[in-house]
Structures are given as structure tokens and as C-alpha cells.
Amino acid sequence: MAKKSVATLQTGSKRLTKAIKMVKKEGGNSYSFVETIIPPDLANSWLDNQ
């Protein structure tokens, strides 16, 4: 499983990170991508879960 934090976004006073995770689909050999925008301090925990 590949995982990477790809961008740091700053909007006003909020600092956010866009995280993309590649997840292998069950029952096949294909992968899908799950992405979210979260605070930077939660990025590692989000990438480790699921």
C-alpha cells in the first residue's frame, strides 16, 4: 500500500494538508485512491488507519 502526504494548503488562518492513500480493492488486483484534506498533525494517523 502506498501512502503520501502531497500538499500543504493554507486558507486564511487554517493550515491544511491534502493526503492521498492508495488502497487495494478486495477480491481483485486493482487499486483505488482515497484522498482527504485534514490538519497536518492528523495526516500520519489517517494514513496509518483504514
PDB file of N, CA and C in Angstrom:
ATOM      1  N   MET A   1       0.851  -1.169   0.000  1.00  0.00           N
ATOM      2  CA  MET A   1       0.000   0.000   0.000  1.00  0.00           C
ATOM      3  C   MET A   1       0.897   1.233   0.000  1.00  0.00           C
ATOM      4  N   ALA A   2       0.639   2.120  -0.907  1.00  0.00           N
ATOM      5  CA  ALA A   2       1.401   3.358  -0.998  1.00  0.00           C
ATOM      6  C   ALA A   2       0.659   4.464  -0.270  1.00  0.00           C
ATOM      7  N   LYS A   3       1.397   5.341   0.364  1.00  0.00           N
ATOM      8  CA  LYS A   3       0.764   6.462   1.035  1.00  0.00           C
ATOM      9  C   LYS A   3       1.715   7.642   1.032  1.00  0.00           C
ATOM     10  N   LYS A   4       1.128   8.823   0.904  1.00  0.00           N
ATOM     11  CA  LYS A   4       1.965  10.001   0.841  1.00  0.00           C
ATOM     12  C   LYS A   4       1.127  11.247   1.107  1.00  0.00           C
ATOM     13  N   SER A   5       1.689  12.172   1.834  1.00  0.00           N
ATOM     14  CA  SER A   5       1.090  13.484   2.005  1.00  0.00           C
ATOM     15  C   SER A   5       1.647  14.353   0.891  1.00  0.00           C
ATOM     16  N   VAL A   6       0.766  14.910   0.048  1.00  0.00           N
ATOM     17  CA  VAL A   6       1.248  15.517  -1.187  1.00  0.00           C
ATOM     18  C   VAL A   6       1.247  17.033  -1.222  1.00  0.00           C
ATOM     19  N   ALA A   7       0.500  17.678  -0.376  1.00  0.00           N
ATOM     20  CA  ALA A   7       0.438  19.137  -0.484  1.00  0.00           C
ATOM     21  C   ALA A   7       0.095  19.746   0.860  1.00  0.00           C
ATOM     22  N   THR A   8       0.554  20.942   1.068  1.00  0.00           N
ATOM     23  CA  THR A   8       0.169  21.713   2.245  1.00  0.00           C
ATOM     24  C   THR A   8      -0.596  22.926   1.747  1.00  0.00           C
ATOM     25  N   LEU A   9      -1.816  23.075   2.217  1.00  0.00           N
ATOM     26  CA  LEU A   9      -2.679  24.165   1.779  1.00  0.00           C
ATOM     27  C   LEU A   9      -2.865  25.154   2.916  1.00  0.00           C
ATOM     28  N   GLN A  10      -2.844  26.423   2.613  1.00  0.00           N
ATOM     29  CA  GLN A  10      -3.094  27.445   3.615  1.00  0.00           C
ATOM     30  C   GLN A  10      -4.264  28.294   3.148  1.00  0.00           C
ATOM     31  N   THR A  11      -5.329  28.295   3.943  1.00  0.00           N
ATOM     32  CA  THR A  11      -6.502  29.098   3.634  1.00  0.00           C
ATOM     33  C   THR A  11      -6.795  29.981   4.836  1.00  0.00           C
ATOM     34  N   GLY A  12      -6.538  31.249   4.716  1.00  0.00           N
ATOM     35  CA  GLY A  12      -6.777  32.161   5.828  1.00  0.00           C
ATOM     36  C   GLY A  12      -5.907  31.787   7.016  1.00  0.00           C
ATOM     37  N   SER A  13      -6.534  31.500   8.138  1.00  0.00           N
ATOM     38  CA  SER A  13      -5.798  31.140   9.342  1.00  0.00           C
ATOM     39  C   SER A  13      -5.679  29.632   9.521  1.00  0.00           C
ATOM     40  N   LYS A  14      -6.291  28.838   8.633  1.00  0.00           N
ATOM     41  CA  LYS A  14      -6.235  27.390   8.760  1.00  0.00           C
ATOM     42  C   LYS A  14      -5.139  26.821   7.859  1.00  0.00           C
ATOM     43  N   ARG A  15      -4.372  25.903   8.392  1.00  0.00           N
ATOM     44  CA  ARG A  15      -3.339  25.219   7.625  1.00  0.00           C
ATOM     45  C   ARG A  15      -3.799  23.781   7.432  1.00  0.00           C
ATOM     46  N   LEU A  16      -3.915  23.335   6.186  1.00  0.00           N
ATOM     47  CA  LEU A  16      -4.458  22.018   5.883  1.00  0.00           C
ATOM     48  C   LEU A  16      -3.505  21.245   4.975  1.00  0.00           C
ATOM     49  N   THR A  17      -3.631  19.916   5.004  1.00  0.00           N
ATOM     50  CA  THR A  17      -2.824  19.040   4.169  1.00  0.00           C
ATOM     51  C   THR A  17      -3.740  18.133   3.368  1.00  0.00           C
ATOM     52  N   LYS A  18      -3.437  17.980   2.090  1.00  0.00           N
ATOM     53  CA  LYS A  18      -4.178  17.035   1.257  1.00  0.00           C
ATOM     54  C   LYS A  18      -3.409  15.727   1.260  1.00  0.00           C
ATOM     55  N   ALA A  19      -4.042  14.649   1.735  1.00  0.00           N
ATOM     56  CA  ALA A  19      -3.396  13.342   1.831  1.00  0.00           C
ATOM     57  C   ALA A  19      -4.093  12.372   0.885  1.00  0.00           C
ATOM     58  N   ILE A  20      -3.293  11.593   0.163  1.00  0.00           N
ATOM     59  CA  ILE A  20      -3.814  10.611  -0.785  1.00  0.00           C
ATOM     60  C   ILE A  20      -3.243   9.245  -0.406  1.00  0.00           C
ATOM     61  N   LYS A  21      -4.137   8.255  -0.345  1.00  0.00           N
ATOM     62  CA  LYS A  21      -3.733   6.900   0.014  1.00  0.00           C
ATOM     63  C   LYS A  21      -4.193   5.939  -1.080  1.00  0.00           C
ATOM     64  N   MET A  22      -3.321   5.019  -1.481  1.00  0.00           N
ATOM     65  CA  MET A  22      -3.677   4.004  -2.464  1.00  0.00           C
ATOM     66  C   MET A  22      -4.080   2.745  -1.702  1.00  0.00           C
ATOM     67  N   VAL A  23      -5.303   2.253  -1.966  1.00  0.00           N
ATOM     68  CA  VAL A  23      -5.852   1.118  -1.237  1.00  0.00           C
ATOM     69  C   VAL A  23      -6.172   0.007  -2.229  1.00  0.00           C
ATOM     70  N   LYS A  24      -5.731  -1.208  -1.919  1.00  0.00           N
ATOM     71  CA  LYS A  24      -6.021  -2.352  -2.790  1.00  0.00           C
ATOM     72  C   LYS A  24      -7.456  -2.808  -2.561  1.00  0.00           C
ATOM     73  N   LYS A  25      -8.199  -2.994  -3.656  1.00  0.00           N
ATOM     74  CA  LYS A  25      -9.586  -3.432  -3.570  1.00  0.00           C
ATOM     75  C   LYS A  25      -9.630  -4.921  -3.244  1.00  0.00           C
ATOM     76  N   GLU A  26     -10.623  -5.299  -2.440  1.00  0.00           N
ATOM     77  CA  GLU A  26     -10.784  -6.707  -2.090  1.00  0.00           C
ATOM     78  C   GLU A  26     -11.362  -7.470  -3.269  1.00  0.00           C
ATOM     79  N   GLY A  27     -10.923  -8.705  -3.431  1.00  0.00           N
ATOM     80  CA  GLY A  27     -11.459  -9.542  -4.484  1.00  0.00           C
ATOM     81  C   GLY A  27     -10.870  -9.282  -5.857  1.00  0.00           C
ATOM     82  N   GLY A  28      -9.823  -8.511  -5.933  1.00  0.00           N
ATOM     83  CA  GLY A  28      -9.226  -8.227  -7.236  1.00  0.00           C
ATOM     84  C   GLY A  28      -7.809  -7.733  -7.094  1.00  0.00           C
ATOM     85  N   ASN A  29      -7.218  -7.416  -8.219  1.00  0.00           N
ATOM     86  CA  ASN A  29      -5.841  -6.932  -8.220  1.00  0.00           C
ATOM     87  C   ASN A  29      -5.757  -5.443  -8.514  1.00  0.00           C
ATOM     88  N   SER A  30      -6.869  -4.730  -8.390  1.00  0.00           N
ATOM     89  CA  SER A  30      -6.860  -3.308  -8.714  1.00  0.00           C
ATOM     90  C   SER A  30      -6.755  -2.464  -7.445  1.00  0.00           C
ATOM     91  N   TYR A  31      -6.389  -1.219  -7.643  1.00  0.00           N
ATOM     92  CA  TYR A  31      -6.219  -0.272  -6.547  1.00  0.00           C
ATOM     93  C   TYR A  31      -7.142   0.922  -6.765  1.00  0.00           C
ATOM     94  N   SER A  32      -7.495   1.571  -5.672  1.00  0.00           N
ATOM     95  CA  SER A  32      -8.246   2.813  -5.750  1.00  0.00           C
ATOM     96  C   SER A  32      -7.537   3.841  -4.876  1.00  0.00           C
ATOM     97  N   PHE A  33      -7.840   5.102  -5.114  1.00  0.00           N
ATOM     98  CA  PHE A  33      -7.222   6.182  -4.363  1.00  0.00           C
ATOM     99  C   PHE A  33      -8.262   6.843  -3.471  1.00  0.00           C
ATOM    100  N   VAL A  34      -7.874   7.074  -2.217  1.00  0.00           N
ATOM    101  CA  VAL A  34      -8.726   7.759  -1.257  1.00  0.00           C
ATOM    102  C   VAL A  34      -7.989   9.036  -0.884  1.00  0.00           C
ATOM    103  N   GLU A  35      -8.657  10.174  -0.998  1.00  0.00           N
ATOM    104  CA  GLU A  35      -7.995  11.429  -0.654  1.00  0.00           C
ATOM    105  C   GLU A  35      -8.871  12.251   0.276  1.00  0.00           C
ATOM    106  N   THR A  36      -8.214  13.046   1.093  1.00  0.00           N
ATOM    107  CA  THR A  36      -8.907  13.903   2.041  1.00  0.00           C
ATOM    108  C   THR A  36      -8.044  15.121   2.345  1.00  0.00           C
ATOM    109  N   ILE A  37      -8.659  16.149   2.868  1.00  0.00           N
ATOM    110  CA  ILE A  37      -7.955  17.355   3.301  1.00  0.00           C
ATOM    111  C   ILE A  37      -8.149  17.453   4.809  1.00  0.00           C
ATOM    112  N   ILE A  38      -7.039  17.383   5.542  1.00  0.00           N
ATOM    113  CA  ILE A  38      -7.075  17.342   7.005  1.00  0.00           C
ATOM    114  C   ILE A  38      -5.959  18.210   7.574  1.00  0.00           C
ATOM    115  N   PRO A  39      -6.014  18.525   8.878  1.00  0.00           N
ATOM    116  CA  PRO A  39      -4.910  19.253   9.513  1.00  0.00           C
ATOM    117  C   PRO A  39      -3.627  18.416   9.476  1.00  0.00           C
ATOM    118  N   PRO A  40      -2.460  19.047   9.351  1.00  0.00           N
ATOM    119  CA  PRO A  40      -1.199  18.304   9.215  1.00  0.00           C
ATOM    120  C   PRO A  40      -0.897  17.369  10.379  1.00  0.00           C
ATOM    121  N   ASP A  41      -1.310  17.710  11.587  1.00  0.00           N
ATOM    122  CA  ASP A  41      -0.997  16.846  12.730  1.00  0.00           C
ATOM    123  C   ASP A  41      -1.796  15.541  12.718  1.00  0.00           C
ATOM    124  N   LEU A  42      -2.881  15.461  11.948  1.00  0.00           N
ATOM    125  CA  LEU A  42      -3.676  14.236  11.860  1.00  0.00           C
ATOM    126  C   LEU A  42      -3.341  13.399  10.629  1.00  0.00           C
ATOM    127  N   ALA A  43      -2.456  13.888   9.765  1.00  0.00           N
ATOM    128  CA  ALA A  43      -2.173  13.210   8.498  1.00  0.00           C
ATOM    129  C   ALA A  43      -1.569  11.821   8.707  1.00  0.00           C
ATOM    130  N   ASN A  44      -0.587  11.702   9.567  1.00  0.00           N
ATOM    131  CA  ASN A  44       0.057  10.398   9.767  1.00  0.00           C
ATOM    132  C   ASN A  44      -0.895   9.381  10.351  1.00  0.00           C
ATOM    133  N   SER A  45      -1.742   9.785  11.288  1.00  0.00           N
ATOM    134  CA  SER A  45      -2.685   8.836  11.871  1.00  0.00           C
ATOM    135  C   SER A  45      -3.735   8.403  10.849  1.00  0.00           C
ATOM    136  N   TRP A  46      -4.155   9.308   9.957  1.00  0.00           N
ATOM    137  CA  TRP A  46      -5.119   8.943   8.917  1.00  0.00           C
ATOM    138  C   TRP A  46      -4.488   7.964   7.917  1.00  0.00           C
ATOM    139  N   LEU A  47      -3.228   8.202   7.561  1.00  0.00           N
ATOM    140  CA  LEU A  47      -2.556   7.312   6.621  1.00  0.00           C
ATOM    141  C   LEU A  47      -2.317   5.929   7.219  1.00  0.00           C
ATOM    142  N   ASP A  48      -2.114   5.829   8.521  1.00  0.00           N
ATOM    143  CA  ASP A  48      -1.878   4.547   9.168  1.00  0.00           C
ATOM    144  C   ASP A  48      -3.156   3.744   9.338  1.00  0.00           C
ATOM    145  N   ASN A  49      -4.304   4.393   9.417  1.00  0.00           N
ATOM    146  CA  ASN A  49      -5.590   3.713   9.611  1.00  0.00           C
ATOM    147  C   ASN A  49      -6.193   3.292   8.283  1.00  0.00           C
ATOM    148  N   GLN A  50      -7.281   2.569   8.354  1.00  0.00           N
ATOM    149  CA  GLN A  50      -8.094   2.043   7.242  1.00  0.00           C
ATOM    150  C   GLN A  50      -7.556   0.786   6.718  1.00  0.00           C
TER     151      GLN A  50
END
